[in-house]
Amino acid sequence: MSIHKMIALHPDVGGELNELLATAARHAMFCAEMCTSCADACVAEDMDMRQCIRSCLDCADVCTAAGRLAVRRTAQNIDVLRLMLETCAKVCAVCSEECALHDHGHCQLCAEMCRECAADCRAALPTVN
């Protein structure tokens, strides 16, 4: 299954799929799960990981919201979608910076996913109008 296919089949899309927005939506969904998993792994670490956990959980919530808004194609609210993509990119950047501070493999992987999600959200922004 593919979120790109699902969006393309929407009656209001009419086959005119915004590939960059669909990719941003897909990566936001992935990023939310990666951040949730990283936060859970941080709980199991022996050191104080409270800030990393908080950053990851905040990022997961914002990414979930961004992904959900990006796949809605009926009666679009472009201003809200643009704000959410901007916010998602910023929150992903903050989470990436925090996770990059830690040598744990899960943090490094999460930081990478957050950087990719932020880049995808920024790339989709000019296409949303």
C-alpha atoms as a PDB file:
ATOM      1  CA  MET A   1       0.000   0.000   0.000  1.00  0.00           C
ATOM      2  CA  SER A   2       1.052   3.553  -0.627  1.00  0.00           C
ATOM      3  CA  ILE A   3      -0.156   6.869   0.779  1.00  0.00           C
ATOM      4  CA  HIS A   4       0.760   8.373  -2.602  1.00  0.00           C
ATOM      5  CA  LYS A   5      -1.750   6.054  -4.309  1.00  0.00           C
ATOM      6  CA  MET A   6      -4.408   6.786  -1.709  1.00  0.00           C
ATOM      7  CA  ILE A   7      -4.074  10.549  -2.143  1.00  0.00           C
ATOM      8  CA  ALA A   8      -4.027  10.234  -5.946  1.00  0.00           C
ATOM      9  CA  LEU A   9      -7.352   8.348  -5.809  1.00  0.00           C
ATOM     10  CA  HIS A  10      -9.084  11.167  -3.911  1.00  0.00           C
ATOM     11  CA  PRO A  11     -11.853  12.714  -6.054  1.00  0.00           C
ATOM     12  CA  ASP A  12     -10.633  16.259  -5.354  1.00  0.00           C
ATOM     13  CA  VAL A  13      -7.078  15.437  -6.457  1.00  0.00           C
ATOM     14  CA  GLY A  14      -8.179  14.281  -9.896  1.00  0.00           C
ATOM     15  CA  GLY A  15      -4.894  12.533 -10.623  1.00  0.00           C
ATOM     16  CA  GLU A  16      -2.893  15.756 -10.029  1.00  0.00           C
ATOM     17  CA  LEU A  17      -0.867  14.351  -7.135  1.00  0.00           C
ATOM     18  CA  ASN A  18       1.459  16.722  -5.308  1.00  0.00           C
ATOM     19  CA  GLU A  19       4.379  14.290  -4.960  1.00  0.00           C
ATOM     20  CA  LEU A  20       6.362  16.509  -2.594  1.00  0.00           C
ATOM     21  CA  LEU A  21       3.423  16.948  -0.240  1.00  0.00           C
ATOM     22  CA  ALA A  22       2.646  13.220  -0.320  1.00  0.00           C
ATOM     23  CA  THR A  23       6.276  12.433   0.481  1.00  0.00           C
ATOM     24  CA  ALA A  24       6.241  14.927   3.350  1.00  0.00           C
ATOM     25  CA  ALA A  25       3.066  13.309   4.700  1.00  0.00           C
ATOM     26  CA  ARG A  26       4.591   9.824   4.472  1.00  0.00           C
ATOM     27  CA  HIS A  27       7.826  10.856   6.151  1.00  0.00           C
ATOM     28  CA  ALA A  28       5.951  12.733   8.875  1.00  0.00           C
ATOM     29  CA  MET A  29       4.073   9.525   9.631  1.00  0.00           C
ATOM     30  CA  PHE A  30       7.331   7.543   9.739  1.00  0.00           C
ATOM     31  CA  CYS A  31       9.030  10.206  11.820  1.00  0.00           C
ATOM     32  CA  ALA A  32       6.245  10.122  14.403  1.00  0.00           C
ATOM     33  CA  GLU A  33       6.778   6.409  14.912  1.00  0.00           C
ATOM     34  CA  MET A  34      10.569   6.702  14.961  1.00  0.00           C
ATOM     35  CA  CYS A  35      10.403   9.465  17.579  1.00  0.00           C
ATOM     36  CA  THR A  36       7.982   7.463  19.708  1.00  0.00           C
ATOM     37  CA  SER A  37      10.286   4.458  19.527  1.00  0.00           C
ATOM     38  CA  CYS A  38      13.335   6.576  20.354  1.00  0.00           C
ATOM     39  CA  ALA A  39      11.572   8.092  23.370  1.00  0.00           C
ATOM     40  CA  ASP A  40      10.722   4.609  24.592  1.00  0.00           C
ATOM     41  CA  ALA A  41      14.327   3.466  24.139  1.00  0.00           C
ATOM     42  CA  CYS A  42      15.524   6.569  26.003  1.00  0.00           C
ATOM     43  CA  VAL A  43      13.397   5.535  28.987  1.00  0.00           C
ATOM     44  CA  ALA A  44      15.441   2.324  29.171  1.00  0.00           C
ATOM     45  CA  GLU A  45      18.804   4.119  29.142  1.00  0.00           C
ATOM     46  CA  ASP A  46      20.722   4.415  32.429  1.00  0.00           C
ATOM     47  CA  MET A  47      21.368   8.145  32.047  1.00  0.00           C
ATOM     48  CA  ASP A  48      19.011  11.109  32.394  1.00  0.00           C
ATOM     49  CA  MET A  49      17.324  11.319  28.997  1.00  0.00           C
ATOM     50  CA  ARG A  50      14.370  13.512  29.997  1.00  0.00           C
ATOM     51  CA  GLN A  51      15.070  16.279  27.497  1.00  0.00           C
ATOM     52  CA  CYS A  52      15.512  13.819  24.645  1.00  0.00           C
ATOM     53  CA  ILE A  53      12.318  11.996  25.596  1.00  0.00           C
ATOM     54  CA  ARG A  54      10.417  15.275  25.687  1.00  0.00           C
ATOM     55  CA  SER A  55      11.821  16.382  22.315  1.00  0.00           C
ATOM     56  CA  CYS A  56      10.957  13.056  20.723  1.00  0.00           C
ATOM     57  CA  LEU A  57       7.413  12.949  22.095  1.00  0.00           C
ATOM     58  CA  ASP A  58       6.753  16.561  21.067  1.00  0.00           C
ATOM     59  CA  CYS A  59       8.102  15.804  17.605  1.00  0.00           C
ATOM     60  CA  ALA A  60       5.988  12.655  17.326  1.00  0.00           C
ATOM     61  CA  ASP A  61       2.828  14.613  18.120  1.00  0.00           C
ATOM     62  CA  VAL A  62       3.608  17.407  15.663  1.00  0.00           C
ATOM     63  CA  CYS A  63       4.563  14.936  12.918  1.00  0.00           C
ATOM     64  CA  THR A  64       1.338  12.996  13.458  1.00  0.00           C
ATOM     65  CA  ALA A  65      -0.684  16.182  13.096  1.00  0.00           C
ATOM     66  CA  ALA A  66       1.278  17.299  10.017  1.00  0.00           C
ATOM     67  CA  GLY A  67       0.841  13.927   8.328  1.00  0.00           C
ATOM     68  CA  ARG A  68      -2.883  13.898   9.017  1.00  0.00           C
ATOM     69  CA  LEU A  69      -3.412  17.417   7.670  1.00  0.00           C
ATOM     70  CA  ALA A  70      -1.312  16.728   4.579  1.00  0.00           C
ATOM     71  CA  VAL A  71      -3.412  13.753   3.473  1.00  0.00           C
ATOM     72  CA  ARG A  72      -6.719  15.614   3.759  1.00  0.00           C
ATOM     73  CA  ARG A  73      -7.591  16.881   0.311  1.00  0.00           C
ATOM     74  CA  THR A  74     -11.259  17.918   0.726  1.00  0.00           C
ATOM     75  CA  ALA A  75     -11.900  21.644   1.294  1.00  0.00           C
ATOM     76  CA  GLN A  76      -8.245  22.386   1.925  1.00  0.00           C
ATOM     77  CA  ASN A  77      -7.138  24.994   4.428  1.00  0.00           C
ATOM     78  CA  ILE A  78      -3.876  26.028   2.792  1.00  0.00           C
ATOM     79  CA  ASP A  79      -2.852  28.499   5.511  1.00  0.00           C
ATOM     80  CA  VAL A  80      -3.160  25.870   8.241  1.00  0.00           C
ATOM     81  CA  LEU A  81      -1.363  23.253   6.145  1.00  0.00           C
ATOM     82  CA  ARG A  82       1.514  25.640   5.431  1.00  0.00           C
ATOM     83  CA  LEU A  83       1.811  26.539   9.134  1.00  0.00           C
ATOM     84  CA  MET A  84       1.816  22.866  10.067  1.00  0.00           C
ATOM     85  CA  LEU A  85       4.524  22.024   7.523  1.00  0.00           C
ATOM     86  CA  GLU A  86       6.642  24.934   8.794  1.00  0.00           C
ATOM     87  CA  THR A  87       6.090  23.872  12.396  1.00  0.00           C
ATOM     88  CA  CYS A  88       6.875  20.254  11.608  1.00  0.00           C
ATOM     89  CA  ALA A  89      10.151  21.242   9.943  1.00  0.00           C
ATOM     90  CA  LYS A  90      11.146  23.383  12.944  1.00  0.00           C
ATOM     91  CA  VAL A  91      10.194  20.810  15.579  1.00  0.00           C
ATOM     92  CA  CYS A  92      11.991  18.074  13.631  1.00  0.00           C
ATOM     93  CA  ALA A  93      15.105  20.252  13.552  1.00  0.00           C
ATOM     94  CA  VAL A  94      14.955  20.739  17.331  1.00  0.00           C
ATOM     95  CA  CYS A  95      14.478  17.006  17.914  1.00  0.00           C
ATOM     96  CA  SER A  96      17.273  16.154  15.511  1.00  0.00           C
ATOM     97  CA  GLU A  97      19.665  18.474  17.356  1.00  0.00           C
ATOM     98  CA  GLU A  98      18.763  16.921  20.715  1.00  0.00           C
ATOM     99  CA  CYS A  99      19.032  13.328  19.509  1.00  0.00           C
ATOM    100  CA  ALA A 100      22.335  14.051  17.773  1.00  0.00           C
ATOM    101  CA  LEU A 101      23.824  14.890  21.187  1.00  0.00           C
ATOM    102  CA  HIS A 102      23.575  11.229  22.224  1.00  0.00           C
ATOM    103  CA  ASP A 103      25.699   8.322  21.006  1.00  0.00           C
ATOM    104  CA  HIS A 104      22.867   5.808  21.312  1.00  0.00           C
ATOM    105  CA  GLY A 105      22.065   4.146  17.990  1.00  0.00           C
ATOM    106  CA  HIS A 106      18.351   4.840  18.397  1.00  0.00           C
ATOM    107  CA  CYS A 107      19.041   8.548  18.934  1.00  0.00           C
ATOM    108  CA  GLN A 108      21.303   8.742  15.884  1.00  0.00           C
ATOM    109  CA  LEU A 109      18.679   7.016  13.728  1.00  0.00           C
ATOM    110  CA  CYS A 110      15.956   9.281  15.064  1.00  0.00           C
ATOM    111  CA  ALA A 111      18.075  12.375  14.369  1.00  0.00           C
ATOM    112  CA  GLU A 112      18.532  11.209  10.777  1.00  0.00           C
ATOM    113  CA  MET A 113      14.798  10.617  10.296  1.00  0.00           C
ATOM    114  CA  CYS A 114      14.000  14.028  11.770  1.00  0.00           C
ATOM    115  CA  ARG A 115      16.442  15.717   9.375  1.00  0.00           C
ATOM    116  CA  GLU A 116      14.811  13.931   6.415  1.00  0.00           C
ATOM    117  CA  CYS A 117      11.310  14.842   7.571  1.00  0.00           C
ATOM    118  CA  ALA A 118      12.273  18.489   8.076  1.00  0.00           C
ATOM    119  CA  ALA A 119      13.791  18.629   4.589  1.00  0.00           C
ATOM    120  CA  ASP A 120      10.678  17.052   3.056  1.00  0.00           C
ATOM    121  CA  CYS A 121       8.369  19.493   4.831  1.00  0.00           C
ATOM    122  CA  ARG A 122      10.482  22.433   3.644  1.00  0.00           C
ATOM    123  CA  ALA A 123      10.493  21.042   0.078  1.00  0.00           C
ATOM    124  CA  ALA A 124       6.705  20.670   0.080  1.00  0.00           C
ATOM    125  CA  LEU A 125       6.021  24.210   1.349  1.00  0.00           C
ATOM    126  CA  PRO A 126       6.421  26.040  -1.990  1.00  0.00           C
ATOM    127  CA  THR A 127       4.085  23.537  -3.661  1.00  0.00           C
ATOM    128  CA  VAL A 128       1.212  24.224  -1.269  1.00  0.00           C
ATOM    129  CA  ASN A 129      -0.749  27.204  -2.558  1.00  0.00           C
END
